[in-house]
């Protein structure tokens, strides 16, 4: 059984079909990329899986559980975490507080435990702060816990957002353009970091990314969307040489195909 299995997923916005009967699946421990030109429906696809957009038709199944009608917090409770194309941190909160916001999903203390400061609450609170320190070290932000999130560099904010997602101990983490805005050195560091996420934490990773070199160097499988429809699905080598993908992704005419196929094949 696939870890994540999507069947016939469809989303309409008025007269616009943003996602049109898309089938998709991924196995545990894979790194899978979703690519396509701007407006292809990639972020809409992410928003549907993570519960931010309601599904018009189709099904989303994770570990055999139907997620199709779940809200974002219930999807997160199933241990699916995500980051966003535009960083969504609590900018006026401390770095540690941002990570704690993610960690609360894993805490089991009741209102009575909290109000009365019962042992379970104190134990979970201590464990949460220990987890914050662990995650800060893991993403390379040791010593930044008492800084405001807005004072971090752009690359550090990207890592903080990932740390907050990791706080729920996800089985699947969804990264929306993790290399956006990063320079070449930071992009290579992000690549190595994503590979470590899988090897160190046994995590499955689904990402949207426009950096084709990063996609080809990371992915076990690539799914290509265009105008809301899946036009290809395969290994990096299969996608790299797929002329249909190259036409859709680069917007080329027939006479330009041969030259561009060779160019993409070198990525």
Protein backbone atom coordinates (compact mmCIF):
# COMPACT_ATOMS: atom_id res chain seq x y z
CA UNK A 1 0.00 0.00 0.00
CA UNK A 2 1.40 3.45 -0.88
CA UNK A 3 2.02 5.82 2.02
CA UNK A 4 0.09 8.56 0.21
CA UNK A 5 -2.47 7.64 -2.44
CA UNK A 6 -4.48 10.24 -4.38
CA UNK A 7 -7.24 9.24 -6.80
CA UNK A 8 -9.11 11.50 -9.24
CA UNK A 9 -8.34 14.70 -7.30
CA UNK A 10 -10.23 17.69 -8.71
CA UNK A 11 -10.50 21.32 -7.66
CA UNK A 12 -12.50 24.07 -9.38
CA UNK A 13 -12.43 27.79 -8.70
CA UNK A 14 -15.52 29.11 -10.45
CA UNK A 15 -15.05 28.28 -14.12
CA UNK A 16 -11.35 27.44 -13.68
CA UNK A 17 -10.29 23.85 -13.11
CA UNK A 18 -7.07 24.13 -11.10
CA UNK A 19 -6.62 20.36 -10.56
CA UNK A 20 -8.25 17.95 -12.97
CA UNK A 21 -8.66 14.27 -11.99
CA UNK A 22 -5.08 13.83 -10.81
CA UNK A 23 -3.87 10.42 -9.65
CA UNK A 24 -0.72 10.35 -7.53
CA UNK A 25 1.03 7.99 -5.15
CA UNK A 26 4.28 7.75 -3.23
CA UNK A 27 5.95 5.12 -1.13
CA UNK A 28 7.35 5.43 2.37
CA UNK A 29 10.86 7.00 2.55
CA UNK A 30 10.74 8.35 -1.01
CA UNK A 31 11.63 11.89 -2.06
CA UNK A 32 9.09 12.90 -4.70
CA UNK A 33 9.00 16.23 -6.54
CA UNK A 34 6.01 17.90 -8.16
CA UNK A 35 7.06 20.23 -10.96
CA UNK A 36 5.42 22.23 -13.71
CA UNK A 37 5.21 25.77 -15.09
CA UNK A 38 3.71 28.63 -13.10
CA UNK A 39 -0.04 28.15 -12.75
CA UNK A 40 0.19 24.38 -13.24
CA UNK A 41 -1.67 23.70 -9.99
CA UNK A 42 1.22 22.56 -7.80
CA UNK A 43 0.45 24.63 -4.71
CA UNK A 44 -3.29 23.96 -5.10
CA UNK A 45 -2.40 20.25 -5.06
CA UNK A 46 -0.42 20.74 -1.82
CA UNK A 47 -3.23 22.78 -0.28
CA UNK A 48 -5.73 20.02 -0.97
CA UNK A 49 -3.57 17.29 0.54
CA UNK A 50 -2.90 19.37 3.66
CA UNK A 51 -6.56 20.29 4.13
CA UNK A 52 -6.39 23.99 3.26
CA UNK A 53 -8.63 23.60 0.19
CA UNK A 54 -11.72 21.39 0.21
CA UNK A 55 -11.77 18.62 -2.39
CA UNK A 56 -14.41 18.87 -5.11
CA UNK A 57 -13.99 15.23 -6.12
CA UNK A 58 -11.52 12.42 -5.64
CA UNK A 59 -9.91 10.87 -2.56
CA UNK A 60 -6.75 11.36 -0.49
CA UNK A 61 -5.54 8.39 1.54
CA UNK A 62 -2.59 8.36 3.94
CA UNK A 63 -1.49 5.11 5.58
CA UNK A 64 -4.85 3.69 4.56
CA UNK A 65 -6.80 6.50 6.28
CA UNK A 66 -9.13 8.73 4.26
CA UNK A 67 -8.04 12.37 4.64
CA UNK A 68 -10.31 13.80 1.95
CA UNK A 69 -12.55 15.91 4.20
CA UNK A 70 -10.15 16.62 7.08
CA UNK A 71 -9.25 20.14 8.24
CA UNK A 72 -5.56 21.24 8.32
CA UNK A 73 -5.13 20.59 12.04
CA UNK A 74 -6.55 17.06 11.69
CA UNK A 75 -4.27 16.38 8.72
CA UNK A 76 -1.33 17.56 10.84
CA UNK A 77 -2.49 15.25 13.64
CA UNK A 78 -1.99 12.39 11.16
CA UNK A 79 1.69 13.47 11.16
CA UNK A 80 1.72 15.30 7.85
CA UNK A 81 3.64 18.57 8.11
CA UNK A 82 4.27 21.26 5.52
CA UNK A 83 6.08 24.47 4.76
CA UNK A 84 4.85 27.24 2.48
CA UNK A 85 6.02 28.93 -0.70
CA UNK A 86 5.95 32.27 1.12
CA UNK A 87 7.43 31.76 4.58
CA UNK A 88 4.72 31.71 7.26
CA UNK A 89 6.41 32.20 10.59
CA UNK A 90 5.16 34.08 13.63
CA UNK A 91 7.53 36.92 12.89
CA UNK A 92 7.08 38.75 16.22
CA UNK A 93 7.54 35.62 18.30
CA UNK A 94 10.81 34.09 19.45
CA UNK A 95 12.46 31.34 17.43
CA UNK A 96 11.80 28.87 20.26
CA UNK A 97 8.14 29.89 20.44
CA UNK A 98 7.70 29.23 16.72
CA UNK A 99 8.92 25.66 17.16
CA UNK A 100 6.79 25.17 20.27
CA UNK A 101 3.71 26.08 18.20
CA UNK A 102 4.41 23.01 16.12
CA UNK A 103 5.22 20.86 19.14
CA UNK A 104 1.84 21.47 20.80
CA UNK A 105 0.35 19.05 18.25
CA UNK A 106 2.18 16.21 20.00
CA UNK A 107 1.26 17.19 23.58
CA UNK A 108 -1.47 15.25 25.38
CA UNK A 109 -2.02 17.33 28.53
CA UNK A 110 -5.64 18.26 29.27
CA UNK A 111 -6.95 21.67 30.32
CA UNK A 112 -7.01 20.45 33.92
CA UNK A 113 -3.36 19.36 33.65
CA UNK A 114 -2.45 22.83 32.42
CA UNK A 115 -4.50 24.85 34.91
CA UNK A 116 -3.39 22.77 37.91
CA UNK A 117 0.19 22.37 36.65
CA UNK A 118 -0.04 18.62 37.16
CA UNK A 119 3.02 16.39 36.66
CA UNK A 120 2.05 15.34 33.15
CA UNK A 121 1.93 18.98 32.05
CA UNK A 122 5.31 19.75 33.62
CA UNK A 123 6.85 16.65 32.06
CA UNK A 124 5.50 17.45 28.58
CA UNK A 125 6.58 21.07 28.90
CA UNK A 126 10.14 20.01 29.77
CA UNK A 127 10.18 17.51 26.90
CA UNK A 128 8.94 20.22 24.51
CA UNK A 129 11.78 22.58 25.45
CA UNK A 130 14.29 19.75 25.05
CA UNK A 131 12.83 19.06 21.60
CA UNK A 132 13.23 22.73 20.67
CA UNK A 133 16.94 22.59 21.49
CA UNK A 134 17.33 19.35 19.56
CA UNK A 135 15.64 20.79 16.47
CA UNK A 136 17.58 24.06 16.65
CA UNK A 137 20.80 22.05 16.60
CA UNK A 138 19.54 19.86 13.77
CA UNK A 139 18.68 22.78 11.47
CA UNK A 140 21.78 24.79 12.38
CA UNK A 141 20.16 27.47 14.56
CA UNK A 142 21.73 26.69 17.93
CA UNK A 143 21.81 29.80 20.09
CA UNK A 144 19.03 31.55 18.16
CA UNK A 145 16.14 30.44 20.40
CA UNK A 146 15.66 33.85 22.04
CA UNK A 147 15.82 35.89 18.83
CA UNK A 148 12.72 37.18 17.10
CA UNK A 149 11.94 35.17 13.98
CA UNK A 150 11.87 38.34 11.88
CA UNK A 151 15.52 39.04 12.74
CA UNK A 152 16.79 35.84 11.14
CA UNK A 153 18.22 35.84 7.63
CA UNK A 154 16.02 34.54 4.83
CA UNK A 155 17.82 31.19 4.71
CA UNK A 156 17.58 30.84 8.49
CA UNK A 157 13.84 31.55 8.37
CA UNK A 158 13.48 28.74 5.81
CA UNK A 159 15.23 26.39 8.23
CA UNK A 160 13.12 27.59 11.16
CA UNK A 161 9.94 26.85 9.22
CA UNK A 162 11.23 23.33 8.57
CA UNK A 163 12.12 22.94 12.27
CA UNK A 164 8.56 23.91 13.22
CA UNK A 165 7.22 21.29 10.78
CA UNK A 166 9.59 18.66 12.22
CA UNK A 167 8.30 19.39 15.73
CA UNK A 168 5.22 17.24 15.08
CA UNK A 169 7.52 14.30 14.18
CA UNK A 170 5.99 13.93 10.70
CA UNK A 171 5.90 10.76 8.69
CA UNK A 172 5.44 12.95 5.60
CA UNK A 173 6.84 16.45 5.23
CA UNK A 174 5.69 18.63 2.33
CA UNK A 175 8.13 21.35 1.26
CA UNK A 176 6.80 24.10 -1.02
CA UNK A 177 9.77 25.56 -2.92
CA UNK A 178 12.34 25.13 -0.13
CA UNK A 179 15.13 26.60 -2.28
CA UNK A 180 13.20 29.71 -3.37
CA UNK A 181 15.28 32.84 -2.81
CA UNK A 182 18.43 30.91 -1.86
CA UNK A 183 21.81 31.49 -3.48
CA UNK A 184 23.72 28.55 -5.07
CA UNK A 185 25.64 27.75 -1.88
CA UNK A 186 22.47 27.82 0.24
CA UNK A 187 20.67 25.70 -2.37
CA UNK A 188 23.34 23.00 -2.18
CA UNK A 189 23.13 23.13 1.62
CA UNK A 190 19.35 22.74 1.38
CA UNK A 191 19.79 19.73 -0.89
CA UNK A 192 22.09 18.02 1.60
CA UNK A 193 19.74 18.97 4.44
CA UNK A 194 16.73 17.38 2.69
CA UNK A 195 18.72 14.20 2.09
CA UNK A 196 19.59 14.16 5.81
CA UNK A 197 15.92 14.53 6.72
CA UNK A 198 15.23 11.23 5.05
CA UNK A 199 18.30 9.35 6.25
CA UNK A 200 18.39 10.66 9.83
CA UNK A 201 14.68 10.94 10.61
CA UNK A 202 13.29 8.20 8.36
CA UNK A 203 10.98 10.81 6.83
CA UNK A 204 9.13 10.75 3.51
CA UNK A 205 9.41 14.00 1.55
CA UNK A 206 7.13 15.58 -1.04
CA UNK A 207 8.30 18.83 -2.55
CA UNK A 208 7.46 21.50 -5.09
CA UNK A 209 10.53 23.06 -6.65
CA UNK A 210 11.48 25.09 -9.72
CA UNK A 211 15.23 24.50 -9.48
CA UNK A 212 15.60 21.63 -11.94
CA UNK A 213 19.14 20.82 -10.91
CA UNK A 214 17.96 20.39 -7.31
CA UNK A 215 14.95 18.33 -8.39
CA UNK A 216 17.04 15.98 -10.52
CA UNK A 217 19.63 15.56 -7.78
CA UNK A 218 17.11 14.79 -5.03
CA UNK A 219 14.14 12.94 -6.40
CA UNK A 220 13.33 9.25 -6.53
CA UNK A 221 10.29 10.15 -8.61
CA UNK A 222 8.94 13.26 -10.31
CA UNK A 223 5.33 14.12 -11.13
CA UNK A 224 4.68 16.82 -13.73
CA UNK A 225 1.55 18.98 -13.75
CA UNK A 226 0.43 21.30 -16.54
CA UNK A 227 -2.83 23.28 -16.48
CA UNK A 228 -3.97 21.16 -13.55
CA UNK A 229 -3.43 17.81 -15.26
CA UNK A 230 -0.75 15.21 -14.69
CA UNK A 231 1.22 14.86 -17.93
CA UNK A 232 4.08 12.65 -16.73
CA UNK A 233 5.25 10.57 -13.81
CA UNK A 234 8.60 8.84 -13.57
CA UNK A 235 12.24 8.79 -12.54
CA UNK A 236 14.47 11.82 -13.11
CA UNK A 237 15.98 10.13 -16.18
CA UNK A 238 12.53 9.47 -17.62
CA UNK A 239 11.37 13.04 -17.00
CA UNK A 240 14.62 14.56 -18.25
CA UNK A 241 14.14 12.99 -21.67
CA UNK A 242 10.35 13.39 -21.94
CA UNK A 243 9.67 15.75 -24.87
CA UNK A 244 6.07 16.32 -23.77
CA UNK A 245 7.32 17.56 -20.42
CA UNK A 246 9.90 19.81 -22.02
CA UNK A 247 7.29 21.39 -24.29
CA UNK A 248 4.92 22.05 -21.40
CA UNK A 249 7.57 23.15 -18.93
CA UNK A 250 9.56 25.40 -21.24
CA UNK A 251 6.76 26.45 -23.58
CA UNK A 252 8.66 25.50 -26.74
CA UNK A 253 7.54 25.09 -30.31
CA UNK A 254 8.00 21.93 -32.33
CA UNK A 255 11.08 23.19 -34.21
CA UNK A 256 12.89 23.95 -30.93
CA UNK A 257 12.37 20.53 -29.40
CA UNK A 258 15.59 18.79 -30.33
CA UNK A 259 17.89 21.51 -29.01
CA UNK A 260 15.99 21.85 -25.73
CA UNK A 261 15.80 18.11 -25.14
CA UNK A 262 19.59 18.07 -25.31
CA UNK A 263 19.82 21.08 -22.97
CA UNK A 264 17.54 19.58 -20.30
CA UNK A 265 19.27 16.21 -20.60
CA UNK A 266 22.45 17.91 -19.37
CA UNK A 267 20.78 19.08 -16.11
